[in-house]
């Protein structure tokens, strides 16, 4: 049986009716479909009846990748003159980087015109919301992977971001 036929059967009834004439079995079937496909929302309309089923997903937690400790550098002999060598460039992301777990659009505040979730210098606890990444019309809160202080915000509000892109630095 096709999905269209399944939905027609669910709307017309073969199980117990919920308020408004929609078959409660249809709701169960759509909920199962959400789980099987990983979708967060599905809406079906048949013969003037509309059925929408949605579910909340757990907030996405961004984890900073582990970075190896820098190797010890031997001290220069006392007779060697001091030089002003530039600091060595770091390979990979900053150790305190909070990266985007997905491709999307980043928002630094809960709604337009509202105060940002965090600013440089703010102290945050593990689990505090740092910003939101919208992907496929779903707002995904990005939470602090650990307690710390915001030392740098690397993105601008409404900027598109890539998977793994550094959003901010937490030290």
N, C-alpha and C. Protein backbone atom coordinates (compact mmCIF):
# COMPACT_ATOMS: atom_id res chain seq x y z
N UNK A 1 0.85 -1.18 0.00
CA UNK A 1 0.00 0.00 0.00
C UNK A 1 0.90 1.24 0.00
N UNK A 2 0.59 2.25 -0.80
CA UNK A 2 1.40 3.47 -0.87
C UNK A 2 1.14 4.35 0.34
N UNK A 3 2.04 5.31 0.55
CA UNK A 3 1.87 6.25 1.68
C UNK A 3 0.57 7.02 1.51
N UNK A 4 0.25 7.40 0.26
CA UNK A 4 -0.99 8.14 0.02
C UNK A 4 -2.20 7.29 0.43
N UNK A 5 -2.18 6.02 0.05
CA UNK A 5 -3.28 5.13 0.42
C UNK A 5 -3.32 4.92 1.93
N UNK A 6 -2.14 4.78 2.55
CA UNK A 6 -2.08 4.65 4.01
C UNK A 6 -2.71 5.85 4.69
N UNK A 7 -2.37 7.05 4.20
CA UNK A 7 -2.89 8.27 4.83
C UNK A 7 -4.40 8.39 4.60
N UNK A 8 -4.87 8.00 3.39
CA UNK A 8 -6.30 8.05 3.12
C UNK A 8 -7.03 7.12 4.08
N UNK A 9 -6.49 5.92 4.24
CA UNK A 9 -7.08 4.94 5.15
C UNK A 9 -7.07 5.49 6.57
N UNK A 10 -5.95 6.13 6.98
CA UNK A 10 -5.85 6.66 8.34
C UNK A 10 -6.85 7.78 8.57
N UNK A 11 -7.06 8.64 7.54
CA UNK A 11 -8.02 9.73 7.69
C UNK A 11 -9.45 9.21 7.70
N UNK A 12 -9.72 8.23 6.87
CA UNK A 12 -11.07 7.71 6.78
C UNK A 12 -11.41 6.81 7.95
N UNK A 13 -10.38 6.23 8.54
CA UNK A 13 -10.60 5.51 9.77
C UNK A 13 -10.53 4.01 9.64
N UNK A 14 -9.83 3.43 10.59
CA UNK A 14 -9.86 2.00 10.82
C UNK A 14 -9.45 1.76 12.27
N UNK A 15 -9.27 2.84 12.99
CA UNK A 15 -8.92 2.79 14.41
C UNK A 15 -9.85 3.70 15.17
N UNK A 16 -9.48 4.07 16.36
CA UNK A 16 -10.34 4.93 17.17
C UNK A 16 -10.23 6.38 16.70
N UNK A 17 -11.33 7.07 16.70
CA UNK A 17 -11.36 8.45 16.25
C UNK A 17 -10.97 9.40 17.37
N UNK A 18 -10.10 10.36 17.03
CA UNK A 18 -9.75 11.43 17.95
C UNK A 18 -10.71 12.59 17.70
N UNK A 19 -10.65 13.62 18.52
CA UNK A 19 -11.52 14.79 18.36
C UNK A 19 -11.34 15.38 16.96
N UNK A 20 -12.43 15.71 16.29
CA UNK A 20 -12.38 16.31 14.97
C UNK A 20 -12.45 15.30 13.85
N UNK A 21 -12.65 14.02 14.15
CA UNK A 21 -12.81 13.02 13.12
C UNK A 21 -11.53 12.45 12.57
N UNK A 22 -10.39 12.81 13.11
CA UNK A 22 -9.12 12.26 12.64
C UNK A 22 -8.83 10.98 13.41
N UNK A 23 -8.45 9.96 12.71
CA UNK A 23 -8.16 8.67 13.30
C UNK A 23 -6.88 8.75 14.14
N UNK A 24 -6.95 8.32 15.40
CA UNK A 24 -5.78 8.38 16.28
C UNK A 24 -4.67 7.47 15.76
N UNK A 25 -5.01 6.45 14.99
CA UNK A 25 -4.00 5.58 14.39
C UNK A 25 -3.12 6.37 13.42
N UNK A 26 -3.73 7.37 12.76
CA UNK A 26 -2.96 8.20 11.83
C UNK A 26 -1.89 8.97 12.58
N UNK A 27 -2.24 9.46 13.75
CA UNK A 27 -1.27 10.20 14.55
C UNK A 27 -0.12 9.28 14.95
N UNK A 28 -0.45 8.07 15.37
CA UNK A 28 0.59 7.11 15.75
C UNK A 28 1.50 6.77 14.55
N UNK A 29 0.89 6.55 13.39
CA UNK A 29 1.66 6.22 12.21
C UNK A 29 2.60 7.35 11.82
N UNK A 30 2.10 8.59 11.90
CA UNK A 30 2.96 9.73 11.57
C UNK A 30 4.08 9.89 12.59
N UNK A 31 3.79 9.65 13.86
CA UNK A 31 4.82 9.74 14.89
C UNK A 31 5.91 8.69 14.64
N UNK A 32 5.49 7.48 14.26
CA UNK A 32 6.46 6.44 13.94
C UNK A 32 7.29 6.83 12.71
N UNK A 33 6.66 7.45 11.72
CA UNK A 33 7.35 7.89 10.52
C UNK A 33 8.41 8.95 10.87
N UNK A 34 8.07 9.86 11.80
CA UNK A 34 9.04 10.85 12.25
C UNK A 34 10.27 10.17 12.84
N UNK A 35 10.04 9.19 13.69
CA UNK A 35 11.14 8.48 14.34
C UNK A 35 11.99 7.74 13.31
N UNK A 36 11.34 7.02 12.40
CA UNK A 36 12.06 6.23 11.41
C UNK A 36 12.90 7.08 10.47
N UNK A 37 12.40 8.25 10.10
CA UNK A 37 13.09 9.09 9.12
C UNK A 37 13.99 10.14 9.74
N UNK A 38 13.85 10.37 11.05
CA UNK A 38 14.65 11.40 11.70
C UNK A 38 14.11 12.81 11.50
N UNK A 39 12.92 12.93 10.93
CA UNK A 39 12.30 14.24 10.73
C UNK A 39 11.83 14.80 12.07
N UNK A 40 11.62 16.10 12.14
CA UNK A 40 11.10 16.71 13.36
C UNK A 40 9.65 17.14 13.21
N UNK A 41 9.14 17.15 11.95
CA UNK A 41 7.76 17.60 11.74
C UNK A 41 7.24 17.03 10.43
N UNK A 42 5.96 16.70 10.42
CA UNK A 42 5.30 16.24 9.20
C UNK A 42 3.86 16.75 9.24
N UNK A 43 3.35 17.18 8.08
CA UNK A 43 1.99 17.69 7.99
C UNK A 43 1.33 17.07 6.76
N UNK A 44 0.09 16.59 6.93
CA UNK A 44 -0.65 15.95 5.86
C UNK A 44 -2.04 16.58 5.81
N UNK A 45 -2.54 16.83 4.58
CA UNK A 45 -3.89 17.36 4.42
C UNK A 45 -4.64 16.45 3.46
N UNK A 46 -5.85 16.08 3.85
CA UNK A 46 -6.66 15.16 3.04
C UNK A 46 -8.12 15.55 3.23
N UNK A 47 -8.81 15.86 2.17
CA UNK A 47 -10.24 16.13 2.21
C UNK A 47 -10.63 17.22 3.20
N UNK A 48 -9.84 18.28 3.29
CA UNK A 48 -10.15 19.38 4.20
C UNK A 48 -9.68 19.19 5.62
N UNK A 49 -9.18 18.02 5.95
CA UNK A 49 -8.62 17.78 7.28
C UNK A 49 -7.11 17.89 7.20
N UNK A 50 -6.53 18.55 8.18
CA UNK A 50 -5.08 18.73 8.21
C UNK A 50 -4.56 18.12 9.51
N UNK A 51 -3.50 17.33 9.39
CA UNK A 51 -2.89 16.69 10.54
C UNK A 51 -1.41 17.02 10.55
N UNK A 52 -0.93 17.59 11.65
CA UNK A 52 0.47 17.97 11.77
C UNK A 52 1.01 17.32 13.04
N UNK A 53 2.11 16.61 12.91
CA UNK A 53 2.76 15.96 14.04
C UNK A 53 4.20 16.47 14.07
N UNK A 54 4.65 16.88 15.25
CA UNK A 54 6.04 17.34 15.37
C UNK A 54 6.60 16.83 16.69
N UNK A 55 7.91 16.81 16.76
CA UNK A 55 8.57 16.38 17.98
C UNK A 55 9.76 17.29 18.24
N UNK A 56 10.13 17.41 19.50
CA UNK A 56 11.30 18.18 19.88
C UNK A 56 12.48 17.25 19.94
N UNK A 57 13.62 17.77 19.52
CA UNK A 57 14.83 16.98 19.64
C UNK A 57 15.70 17.59 20.72
N UNK A 58 16.57 16.80 21.28
CA UNK A 58 17.46 17.28 22.33
C UNK A 58 18.38 18.35 21.76
N UNK A 59 18.75 19.36 22.59
CA UNK A 59 19.64 20.40 22.10
C UNK A 59 20.98 19.81 21.65
N UNK A 60 21.56 20.43 20.64
CA UNK A 60 22.84 19.99 20.14
C UNK A 60 23.94 20.57 21.02
N UNK A 61 24.86 19.73 21.43
CA UNK A 61 25.97 20.18 22.25
C UNK A 61 27.22 20.15 21.38
N UNK A 62 27.86 21.30 21.25
CA UNK A 62 29.09 21.37 20.47
C UNK A 62 30.27 21.03 21.37
N UNK A 63 31.10 20.12 20.92
CA UNK A 63 32.27 19.73 21.69
C UNK A 63 33.51 20.21 20.97
N UNK A 64 34.42 20.82 21.72
CA UNK A 64 35.69 21.24 21.14
C UNK A 64 36.57 20.02 20.99
N UNK A 65 37.26 19.88 19.87
CA UNK A 65 38.12 18.71 19.69
C UNK A 65 39.31 18.76 20.64
N UNK A 66 39.80 17.59 21.00
CA UNK A 66 40.96 17.51 21.88
C UNK A 66 42.19 17.96 21.12
N UNK A 67 43.04 18.72 21.77
CA UNK A 67 44.27 19.21 21.14
C UNK A 67 45.44 18.71 21.97
N UNK A 68 46.45 18.21 21.30
CA UNK A 68 47.63 17.71 21.99
C UNK A 68 48.36 18.86 22.67
N UNK A 69 48.96 18.57 23.82
CA UNK A 69 49.73 19.59 24.54
C UNK A 69 50.97 19.94 23.73
N UNK A 70 51.36 21.23 23.72
CA UNK A 70 52.55 21.61 22.96
C UNK A 70 53.80 20.95 23.54
N UNK A 71 54.74 20.64 22.67
CA UNK A 71 55.98 20.02 23.11
C UNK A 71 56.85 21.06 23.80
N UNK A 72 57.61 20.60 24.78
CA UNK A 72 58.51 21.50 25.50
C UNK A 72 59.63 21.94 24.57
N UNK A 73 60.00 23.21 24.69
CA UNK A 73 61.07 23.76 23.87
C UNK A 73 62.29 23.93 24.76
N UNK A 74 63.43 23.49 24.28
CA UNK A 74 64.66 23.62 25.06
C UNK A 74 65.01 25.09 25.22
N UNK A 75 65.49 25.43 26.40
CA UNK A 75 65.87 26.81 26.68
C UNK A 75 67.12 27.16 25.90
N UNK A 76 67.19 28.41 25.43
CA UNK A 76 68.36 28.87 24.70
C UNK A 76 69.52 29.04 25.67
N UNK A 77 70.77 28.79 25.23
CA UNK A 77 71.93 29.00 26.10
C UNK A 77 71.97 30.45 26.56
N UNK A 78 72.50 30.67 27.74
CA UNK A 78 72.56 32.00 28.32
C UNK A 78 73.35 32.97 27.47
N UNK A 79 74.32 32.49 26.72
CA UNK A 79 75.15 33.38 25.92
C UNK A 79 74.48 33.78 24.60
N UNK A 80 73.40 33.08 24.22
CA UNK A 80 72.74 33.39 22.96
C UNK A 80 71.90 34.65 23.11
N UNK A 81 71.96 35.54 22.11
CA UNK A 81 71.16 36.77 22.20
C UNK A 81 69.68 36.45 22.03
N UNK A 82 68.85 37.23 22.70
CA UNK A 82 67.40 37.06 22.61
C UNK A 82 66.93 37.56 21.25
N UNK A 83 66.01 36.84 20.63
CA UNK A 83 65.46 37.27 19.35
C UNK A 83 63.96 37.45 19.49
N UNK A 84 63.43 38.30 18.69
CA UNK A 84 61.98 38.54 18.69
C UNK A 84 61.36 37.72 17.56
N UNK A 85 61.30 36.43 17.74
CA UNK A 85 60.72 35.56 16.73
C UNK A 85 59.20 35.60 16.85
N UNK A 86 58.49 35.54 15.73
CA UNK A 86 57.03 35.53 15.81
C UNK A 86 56.55 34.25 16.47
N UNK A 87 55.38 34.33 17.10
CA UNK A 87 54.80 33.15 17.75
C UNK A 87 54.49 32.11 16.68
N UNK A 88 54.73 30.84 16.99
CA UNK A 88 54.45 29.80 15.99
C UNK A 88 52.96 29.72 15.72
N UNK A 89 52.62 29.43 14.45
CA UNK A 89 51.20 29.30 14.09
C UNK A 89 50.68 27.97 14.61
N UNK A 90 49.43 28.00 15.03
CA UNK A 90 48.78 26.83 15.59
C UNK A 90 48.18 25.99 14.47
N UNK A 91 48.37 24.68 14.53
CA UNK A 91 47.74 23.78 13.57
C UNK A 91 46.39 23.38 14.13
N UNK A 92 45.33 23.50 13.33
CA UNK A 92 44.00 23.11 13.78
C UNK A 92 43.31 24.22 14.53
N UNK A 93 42.13 23.92 15.04
CA UNK A 93 41.34 24.95 15.72
C UNK A 93 41.92 25.30 17.09
N UNK A 94 41.53 26.44 17.59
CA UNK A 94 41.92 26.90 18.92
C UNK A 94 41.43 25.88 19.94
N UNK A 95 42.19 25.62 21.01
CA UNK A 95 41.75 24.62 21.99
C UNK A 95 40.42 24.95 22.66
N UNK A 96 40.03 26.20 22.71
CA UNK A 96 38.76 26.58 23.33
C UNK A 96 37.66 26.82 22.32
N UNK A 97 37.87 26.41 21.07
CA UNK A 97 36.90 26.68 20.01
C UNK A 97 35.61 25.89 20.22
N UNK A 98 34.49 26.58 20.05
CA UNK A 98 33.18 25.92 19.99
C UNK A 98 32.80 25.99 18.53
N UNK A 99 32.64 24.82 17.91
CA UNK A 99 32.42 24.76 16.47
C UNK A 99 30.96 24.43 16.15
N UNK A 100 30.59 24.74 14.93
CA UNK A 100 29.22 24.46 14.48
C UNK A 100 29.06 22.98 14.19
N UNK A 101 28.03 22.35 14.77
CA UNK A 101 27.80 20.93 14.52
C UNK A 101 27.05 20.67 13.22
N UNK A 102 26.72 21.75 12.48
CA UNK A 102 25.93 21.59 11.26
C UNK A 102 26.08 22.80 10.37
N UNK A 103 25.62 22.68 9.14
CA UNK A 103 25.54 23.79 8.20
C UNK A 103 24.24 24.53 8.50
N UNK A 104 24.27 25.85 8.51
CA UNK A 104 23.06 26.61 8.76
C UNK A 104 23.32 28.09 8.86
N UNK A 105 22.40 28.79 9.49
CA UNK A 105 22.52 30.23 9.72
C UNK A 105 22.59 30.45 11.22
N UNK A 106 23.57 31.25 11.65
CA UNK A 106 23.78 31.46 13.08
C UNK A 106 23.04 32.72 13.54
N UNK A 107 22.45 32.62 14.72
CA UNK A 107 21.78 33.77 15.36
C UNK A 107 22.38 33.93 16.75
N UNK A 108 22.77 35.17 17.07
CA UNK A 108 23.42 35.41 18.37
C UNK A 108 22.43 35.81 19.45
N UNK A 109 21.16 36.03 19.08
CA UNK A 109 20.15 36.39 20.07
C UNK A 109 18.90 35.55 19.83
N UNK A 110 18.04 35.44 20.86
CA UNK A 110 16.86 34.59 20.72
C UNK A 110 15.83 35.10 19.70
N UNK A 111 15.84 36.40 19.44
CA UNK A 111 14.93 36.98 18.45
C UNK A 111 15.51 38.31 17.99
N UNK A 112 15.11 38.79 16.82
CA UNK A 112 15.65 40.06 16.31
C UNK A 112 15.43 41.20 17.31
N UNK A 113 16.46 41.98 17.53
CA UNK A 113 16.38 43.12 18.43
C UNK A 113 16.62 42.79 19.89
N UNK A 114 16.67 41.52 20.25
CA UNK A 114 16.90 41.12 21.64
C UNK A 114 18.39 41.13 21.93
N UNK A 115 18.72 41.15 23.22
CA UNK A 115 20.11 41.10 23.64
C UNK A 115 20.72 39.76 23.23
N UNK A 116 22.02 39.75 22.88
CA UNK A 116 22.65 38.49 22.50
C UNK A 116 22.72 37.52 23.68
N UNK A 117 22.80 36.21 23.35
CA UNK A 117 22.93 35.21 24.40
C UNK A 117 24.18 35.46 25.22
N UNK A 118 25.31 35.75 24.54
CA UNK A 118 26.58 35.99 25.22
C UNK A 118 27.34 37.11 24.53
N UNK A 119 28.26 37.74 25.29
CA UNK A 119 29.15 38.77 24.76
C UNK A 119 30.57 38.40 25.19
N UNK A 120 31.56 38.99 24.54
CA UNK A 120 32.95 38.77 24.93
C UNK A 120 33.10 39.22 26.38
N UNK A 121 33.73 38.38 27.18
CA UNK A 121 33.93 38.66 28.60
C UNK A 121 32.91 38.00 29.51
N UNK A 122 31.80 37.51 28.95
CA UNK A 122 30.79 36.82 29.76
C UNK A 122 31.33 35.49 30.27
N UNK A 123 30.94 35.15 31.48
CA UNK A 123 31.26 33.84 32.05
C UNK A 123 30.03 32.96 31.88
N UNK A 124 30.24 31.74 31.38
CA UNK A 124 29.13 30.82 31.15
C UNK A 124 29.35 29.52 31.90
N UNK A 125 28.25 28.83 32.17
CA UNK A 125 28.31 27.50 32.80
C UNK A 125 28.09 26.46 31.72
N UNK A 126 28.50 25.24 31.99
CA UNK A 126 28.25 24.15 31.06
C UNK A 126 26.75 24.03 30.84
N UNK A 127 26.34 23.96 29.58
CA UNK A 127 24.93 23.82 29.24
C UNK A 127 24.22 25.14 28.95
N UNK A 128 24.86 26.29 29.22
CA UNK A 128 24.26 27.58 28.88
C UNK A 128 24.17 27.72 27.36
N UNK A 129 23.09 28.33 26.86
CA UNK A 129 22.94 28.56 25.43
C UNK A 129 23.88 29.68 25.02
N UNK A 130 24.70 29.41 23.99
CA UNK A 130 25.65 30.40 23.49
C UNK A 130 25.10 31.14 22.28
N UNK A 131 24.41 30.41 21.40
CA UNK A 131 23.79 30.96 20.21
C UNK A 131 22.90 29.90 19.59
N UNK A 132 22.31 30.20 18.44
CA UNK A 132 21.41 29.27 17.76
C UNK A 132 21.91 29.10 16.33
N UNK A 133 21.86 27.86 15.83
CA UNK A 133 22.11 27.61 14.41
C UNK A 133 20.81 27.07 13.83
N UNK A 134 20.29 27.79 12.85
CA UNK A 134 19.07 27.35 12.16
C UNK A 134 19.46 26.48 10.99
N UNK A 135 18.88 25.30 10.94
CA UNK A 135 19.10 24.39 9.82
C UNK A 135 17.75 23.80 9.43
N UNK A 136 17.37 23.96 8.19
CA UNK A 136 16.11 23.42 7.68
C UNK A 136 14.91 23.87 8.52
N UNK A 137 14.86 25.16 8.82
CA UNK A 137 13.76 25.78 9.57
C UNK A 137 13.66 25.29 11.02
N UNK A 138 14.71 24.64 11.52
CA UNK A 138 14.74 24.20 12.90
C UNK A 138 15.81 24.98 13.64
N UNK A 139 15.43 25.57 14.78
CA UNK A 139 16.37 26.32 15.59
C UNK A 139 17.08 25.36 16.55
N UNK A 140 18.39 25.26 16.42
CA UNK A 140 19.19 24.33 17.23
C UNK A 140 20.07 25.13 18.19
N UNK A 141 19.78 25.09 19.49
CA UNK A 141 20.62 25.82 20.43
C UNK A 141 22.00 25.19 20.51
N UNK A 142 23.02 26.02 20.51
CA UNK A 142 24.39 25.56 20.71
C UNK A 142 24.75 25.92 22.14
N UNK A 143 25.04 24.90 22.94
CA UNK A 143 25.27 25.11 24.37
C UNK A 143 26.75 24.99 24.70
N UNK A 144 27.13 25.59 25.82
CA UNK A 144 28.52 25.57 26.27
C UNK A 144 28.90 24.14 26.66
N UNK A 145 29.98 23.61 26.07
CA UNK A 145 30.41 22.26 26.41
C UNK A 145 31.05 22.18 27.80
N UNK A 146 31.44 23.34 28.33
CA UNK A 146 32.06 23.41 29.66
C UNK A 146 31.95 24.85 30.15
N UNK A 147 32.25 25.05 31.42
CA UNK A 147 32.23 26.40 31.98
C UNK A 147 33.45 27.17 31.48
N UNK A 148 33.34 28.48 31.39
CA UNK A 148 34.46 29.30 30.96
C UNK A 148 34.05 30.72 30.68
N UNK A 149 34.96 31.46 30.05
CA UNK A 149 34.73 32.86 29.70
C UNK A 149 34.81 33.00 28.19
N UNK A 150 33.89 33.76 27.62
CA UNK A 150 33.89 34.01 26.18
C UNK A 150 35.02 35.00 25.89
N UNK A 151 36.01 34.56 25.10
CA UNK A 151 37.13 35.45 24.78
C UNK A 151 37.05 36.02 23.37
N UNK A 152 36.30 35.35 22.50
CA UNK A 152 36.18 35.84 21.13
C UNK A 152 34.91 35.27 20.49
N UNK A 153 34.19 36.10 19.76
CA UNK A 153 33.05 35.65 18.97
C UNK A 153 33.48 35.77 17.51
N UNK A 154 33.52 34.66 16.80
CA UNK A 154 34.12 34.59 15.47
C UNK A 154 33.12 34.73 14.33
N UNK A 155 31.85 34.96 14.63
CA UNK A 155 30.81 35.03 13.60
C UNK A 155 29.97 36.28 13.82
N UNK A 156 29.17 36.60 12.83
CA UNK A 156 28.24 37.73 12.93
C UNK A 156 26.81 37.17 12.88
N UNK A 157 25.87 37.91 13.44
CA UNK A 157 24.47 37.51 13.45
C UNK A 157 23.98 37.29 12.02
N UNK A 158 23.20 36.25 11.80
CA UNK A 158 22.58 35.84 10.53
C UNK A 158 23.60 35.39 9.48
N UNK A 159 24.82 35.10 9.90
CA UNK A 159 25.85 34.64 8.97
C UNK A 159 25.68 33.16 8.69
N UNK A 160 25.83 32.74 7.43
CA UNK A 160 25.81 31.30 7.15
C UNK A 160 27.08 30.66 7.71
N UNK A 161 26.96 29.46 8.27
CA UNK A 161 28.11 28.76 8.83
C UNK A 161 28.18 27.35 8.26
N UNK A 162 29.39 26.81 8.26
CA UNK A 162 29.65 25.46 7.78
C UNK A 162 29.86 24.52 8.95
N UNK A 163 29.72 23.23 8.70
CA UNK A 163 30.02 22.23 9.70
C UNK A 163 31.48 22.38 10.13
N UNK A 164 31.71 22.40 11.44
CA UNK A 164 33.07 22.49 11.97
C UNK A 164 33.64 23.90 12.04
N UNK A 165 32.92 24.90 11.55
CA UNK A 165 33.41 26.28 11.59
C UNK A 165 33.42 26.77 13.02
N UNK A 166 34.50 27.47 13.41
CA UNK A 166 34.59 28.02 14.76
C UNK A 166 33.59 29.14 14.93
N UNK A 167 32.74 29.03 15.97
CA UNK A 167 31.72 30.04 16.25
C UNK A 167 32.22 31.05 17.27
N UNK A 168 32.84 30.52 18.33
CA UNK A 168 33.39 31.39 19.38
C UNK A 168 34.48 30.63 20.13
N UNK A 169 35.23 31.39 20.93
CA UNK A 169 36.31 30.82 21.72
C UNK A 169 35.92 30.92 23.18
N UNK A 170 35.99 29.79 23.87
CA UNK A 170 35.65 29.68 25.29
C UNK A 170 36.91 29.29 26.04
N UNK A 171 37.36 30.16 26.95
CA UNK A 171 38.57 29.80 27.70
C UNK A 171 38.29 29.65 29.17
